[in-house]
C-alpha atoms as a PDB file:
ATOM      1  CA  UNK A   1      31.458  51.701-133.423  1.00  0.00           C
ATOM      2  CA  UNK A   2      28.390  51.162-130.746  1.00  0.00           C
ATOM      3  CA  UNK A   3      28.412  48.154-128.491  1.00  0.00           C
ATOM      4  CA  UNK A   4      25.679  45.457-129.271  1.00  0.00           C
ATOM      5  CA  UNK A   5      22.198  45.969-127.553  1.00  0.00           C
ATOM      6  CA  UNK A   6      21.618  43.604-124.966  1.00  0.00           C
ATOM      7  CA  UNK A   7      18.417  41.302-124.481  1.00  0.00           C
ATOM      8  CA  UNK A   8      17.074  39.429-121.555  1.00  0.00           C
ATOM      9  CA  UNK A   9      18.203  36.081-124.101  1.00  0.00           C
ATOM     10  CA  UNK A  10      21.672  37.455-123.292  1.00  0.00           C
ATOM     11  CA  UNK A  11      21.384  36.405-119.431  1.00  0.00           C
ATOM     12  CA  UNK A  12      23.281  32.909-118.222  1.00  0.00           C
ATOM     13  CA  UNK A  13      20.290  31.154-116.889  1.00  0.00           C
ATOM     14  CA  UNK A  14      22.362  29.923-114.527  1.00  0.00           C
ATOM     15  CA  UNK A  15      23.345  33.458-113.237  1.00  0.00           C
ATOM     16  CA  UNK A  16      19.475  33.973-112.866  1.00  0.00           C
ATOM     17  CA  UNK A  17      18.656  30.805-110.691  1.00  0.00           C
ATOM     18  CA  UNK A  18      21.531  31.878-108.458  1.00  0.00           C
ATOM     19  CA  UNK A  19      20.343  35.302-108.174  1.00  0.00           C
ATOM     20  CA  UNK A  20      16.908  34.399-106.786  1.00  0.00           C
ATOM     21  CA  UNK A  21      17.892  31.490-105.038  1.00  0.00           C
ATOM     22  CA  UNK A  22      16.130  29.241-107.314  1.00  0.00           C
ATOM     23  CA  UNK A  23      12.817  30.970-106.548  1.00  0.00           C
ATOM     24  CA  UNK A  24      10.065  31.798-109.245  1.00  0.00           C
ATOM     25  CA  UNK A  25       8.496  34.213-107.015  1.00  0.00           C
ATOM     26  CA  UNK A  26       9.346  36.292-103.796  1.00  0.00           C
ATOM     27  CA  UNK A  27       8.164  34.999-100.137  1.00  0.00           C
ATOM     28  CA  UNK A  28       6.679  38.152 -99.401  1.00  0.00           C
ATOM     29  CA  UNK A  29       2.915  38.369 -99.719  1.00  0.00           C
ATOM     30  CA  UNK A  30       3.221  41.726-101.479  1.00  0.00           C
ATOM     31  CA  UNK A  31       5.763  41.177-103.859  1.00  0.00           C
ATOM     32  CA  UNK A  32       2.764  40.466-106.725  1.00  0.00           C
ATOM     33  CA  UNK A  33       2.091  44.423-105.883  1.00  0.00           C
ATOM     34  CA  UNK A  34       5.162  45.255-107.878  1.00  0.00           C
ATOM     35  CA  UNK A  35       3.801  46.516-111.449  1.00  0.00           C
ATOM     36  CA  UNK A  36       6.088  47.992-113.590  1.00  0.00           C
ATOM     37  CA  UNK A  37       5.799  51.856-112.414  1.00  0.00           C
ATOM     38  CA  UNK A  38       5.576  50.865-108.809  1.00  0.00           C
ATOM     39  CA  UNK A  39       8.080  53.389-107.218  1.00  0.00           C
ATOM     40  CA  UNK A  40      10.780  51.842-104.707  1.00  0.00           C
ATOM     41  CA  UNK A  41      12.519  53.761-102.153  1.00  0.00           C
ATOM     42  CA  UNK A  42      15.141  52.578-100.146  1.00  0.00           C
ATOM     43  CA  UNK A  43      14.799  53.013 -96.256  1.00  0.00           C
ATOM     44  CA  UNK A  44      18.204  51.988 -95.010  1.00  0.00           C
ATOM     45  CA  UNK A  45      21.585  51.816 -96.293  1.00  0.00           C
ATOM     46  CA  UNK A  46      23.505  48.493 -97.394  1.00  0.00           C
ATOM     47  CA  UNK A  47      24.418  46.177 -94.624  1.00  0.00           C
ATOM     48  CA  UNK A  48      27.629  43.838 -94.523  1.00  0.00           C
ATOM     49  CA  UNK A  49      27.292  40.518 -96.116  1.00  0.00           C
ATOM     50  CA  UNK A  50      24.166  41.361 -98.274  1.00  0.00           C
ATOM     51  CA  UNK A  51      23.720  39.867-102.015  1.00  0.00           C
ATOM     52  CA  UNK A  52      25.286  42.016-104.125  1.00  0.00           C
ATOM     53  CA  UNK A  53      22.005  42.853-106.204  1.00  0.00           C
ATOM     54  CA  UNK A  54      20.209  43.741-103.085  1.00  0.00           C
ATOM     55  CA  UNK A  55      23.299  45.892-102.243  1.00  0.00           C
ATOM     56  CA  UNK A  56      22.820  47.717-106.074  1.00  0.00           C
ATOM     57  CA  UNK A  57      18.843  48.374-105.635  1.00  0.00           C
ATOM     58  CA  UNK A  58      19.297  50.139-102.322  1.00  0.00           C
ATOM     59  CA  UNK A  59      22.236  52.126-104.185  1.00  0.00           C
ATOM     60  CA  UNK A  60      20.078  53.086-107.073  1.00  0.00           C
ATOM     61  CA  UNK A  61      16.730  53.773-104.787  1.00  0.00           C
ATOM     62  CA  UNK A  62      17.929  56.222-102.662  1.00  0.00           C
ATOM     63  CA  UNK A  63      15.739  58.666-104.665  1.00  0.00           C
ATOM     64  CA  UNK A  64      12.221  56.687-106.190  1.00  0.00           C
ATOM     65  CA  UNK A  65      12.589  54.463-108.930  1.00  0.00           C
ATOM     66  CA  UNK A  66      10.327  52.315-111.028  1.00  0.00           C
ATOM     67  CA  UNK A  67      10.445  49.069-111.005  1.00  0.00           C
ATOM     68  CA  UNK A  68      10.948  49.038-115.063  1.00  0.00           C
ATOM     69  CA  UNK A  69      14.183  51.670-114.493  1.00  0.00           C
ATOM     70  CA  UNK A  70      15.518  48.852-111.782  1.00  0.00           C
ATOM     71  CA  UNK A  71      14.902  46.080-114.508  1.00  0.00           C
ATOM     72  CA  UNK A  72      17.186  48.269-117.220  1.00  0.00           C
ATOM     73  CA  UNK A  73      19.859  49.608-114.665  1.00  0.00           C
ATOM     74  CA  UNK A  74      20.432  46.084-113.447  1.00  0.00           C
ATOM     75  CA  UNK A  75      20.361  44.262-116.732  1.00  0.00           C
ATOM     76  CA  UNK A  76      17.695  41.703-115.175  1.00  0.00           C
ATOM     77  CA  UNK A  77      14.306  40.935-116.432  1.00  0.00           C
ATOM     78  CA  UNK A  78      11.734  42.018-114.567  1.00  0.00           C
ATOM     79  CA  UNK A  79      10.500  38.689-112.948  1.00  0.00           C
ATOM     80  CA  UNK A  80      13.850  38.202-110.910  1.00  0.00           C
ATOM     81  CA  UNK A  81      13.779  42.147-110.003  1.00  0.00           C
ATOM     82  CA  UNK A  82      10.764  41.772-108.421  1.00  0.00           C
ATOM     83  CA  UNK A  83      11.947  38.589-106.295  1.00  0.00           C
ATOM     84  CA  UNK A  84      14.671  40.653-104.978  1.00  0.00           C
ATOM     85  CA  UNK A  85      12.291  43.721-104.283  1.00  0.00           C
ATOM     86  CA  UNK A  86       9.924  41.185-102.627  1.00  0.00           C
ATOM     87  CA  UNK A  87      13.181  39.997-100.446  1.00  0.00           C
ATOM     88  CA  UNK A  88      13.582  43.687 -99.370  1.00  0.00           C
ATOM     89  CA  UNK A  89      10.554  44.473 -98.829  1.00  0.00           C
ATOM     90  CA  UNK A  90       9.839  41.825 -96.228  1.00  0.00           C
ATOM     91  CA  UNK A  91      13.179  42.886 -94.743  1.00  0.00           C
ATOM     92  CA  UNK A  92      11.914  46.282 -94.388  1.00  0.00           C
ATOM     93  CA  UNK A  93      14.448  47.999 -96.428  1.00  0.00           C
ATOM     94  CA  UNK A  94      12.059  49.579 -98.990  1.00  0.00           C
ATOM     95  CA  UNK A  95       8.990  50.991 -99.333  1.00  0.00           C
ATOM     96  CA  UNK A  96       6.605  50.478-102.718  1.00  0.00           C
ATOM     97  CA  UNK A  97       4.549  53.892-103.837  1.00  0.00           C
ATOM     98  CA  UNK A  98       1.910  53.053-106.560  1.00  0.00           C
ATOM     99  CA  UNK A  99       1.373  56.069-108.933  1.00  0.00           C
ATOM    100  CA  UNK A 100      -1.843  57.453-108.452  1.00  0.00           C
ATOM    101  CA  UNK A 101      -4.087  56.039-110.922  1.00  0.00           C
ATOM    102  CA  UNK A 102      -5.884  58.198-113.871  1.00  0.00           C
ATOM    103  CA  UNK A 103      -9.253  57.967-112.264  1.00  0.00           C
ATOM    104  CA  UNK A 104      -8.321  59.240-109.093  1.00  0.00           C
ATOM    105  CA  UNK A 105      -6.324  62.359-110.482  1.00  0.00           C
ATOM    106  CA  UNK A 106      -9.581  62.819-112.271  1.00  0.00           C
ATOM    107  CA  UNK A 107     -12.191  62.908-109.989  1.00  0.00           C
ATOM    108  CA  UNK A 108     -13.909  65.964-109.458  1.00  0.00           C
ATOM    109  CA  UNK A 109     -14.609  67.597-106.502  1.00  0.00           C
ATOM    110  CA  UNK A 110     -18.662  67.464-104.934  1.00  0.00           C
ATOM    111  CA  UNK A 111     -21.090  69.277-107.616  1.00  0.00           C
ATOM    112  CA  UNK A 112     -22.622  71.222-104.537  1.00  0.00           C
ATOM    113  CA  UNK A 113     -19.233  72.629-103.493  1.00  0.00           C
ATOM    114  CA  UNK A 114     -18.701  73.992-106.954  1.00  0.00           C
ATOM    115  CA  UNK A 115     -21.789  75.429-107.494  1.00  0.00           C
ATOM    116  CA  UNK A 116     -21.355  77.458-103.647  1.00  0.00           C
ATOM    117  CA  UNK A 117     -18.001  78.573-105.055  1.00  0.00           C
ATOM    118  CA  UNK A 118     -19.656  79.772-108.564  1.00  0.00           C
ATOM    119  CA  UNK A 119     -22.322  81.341-106.519  1.00  0.00           C
ATOM    120  CA  UNK A 120     -19.467  83.145-104.015  1.00  0.00           C
ATOM    121  CA  UNK A 121     -17.524  84.307-107.068  1.00  0.00           C
ATOM    122  CA  UNK A 122     -20.424  85.783-108.718  1.00  0.00           C
ATOM    123  CA  UNK A 123     -20.988  87.771-105.434  1.00  0.00           C
ATOM    124  CA  UNK A 124     -18.207  89.368-105.304  1.00  0.00           C
END
């Protein structure tokens, strides 16, 4: 028999209130920059006395990890994870990297350079 699937509705609201300290957003200005695919990397090891969720985030993020993966691993709503990440970012314990956008990846070099390369190849 498989265990029942977890859903955010199963989470105790009192626990979420305690985890975030009653906040609905992080004090860090950059906390809103955490979208679902932002990669988070720990910059240090956990320190004694840290909140258990912060410790777990730092442990998971030893390698680059997306925000949505963190939420799944921690079994917490993404909104709560964003608040926790904002705290760690403000403390300098993590860095956040945004994946390269498709528009930037599709950008081609200058057409004049491409023409020069083509002429050079033809001259070979």
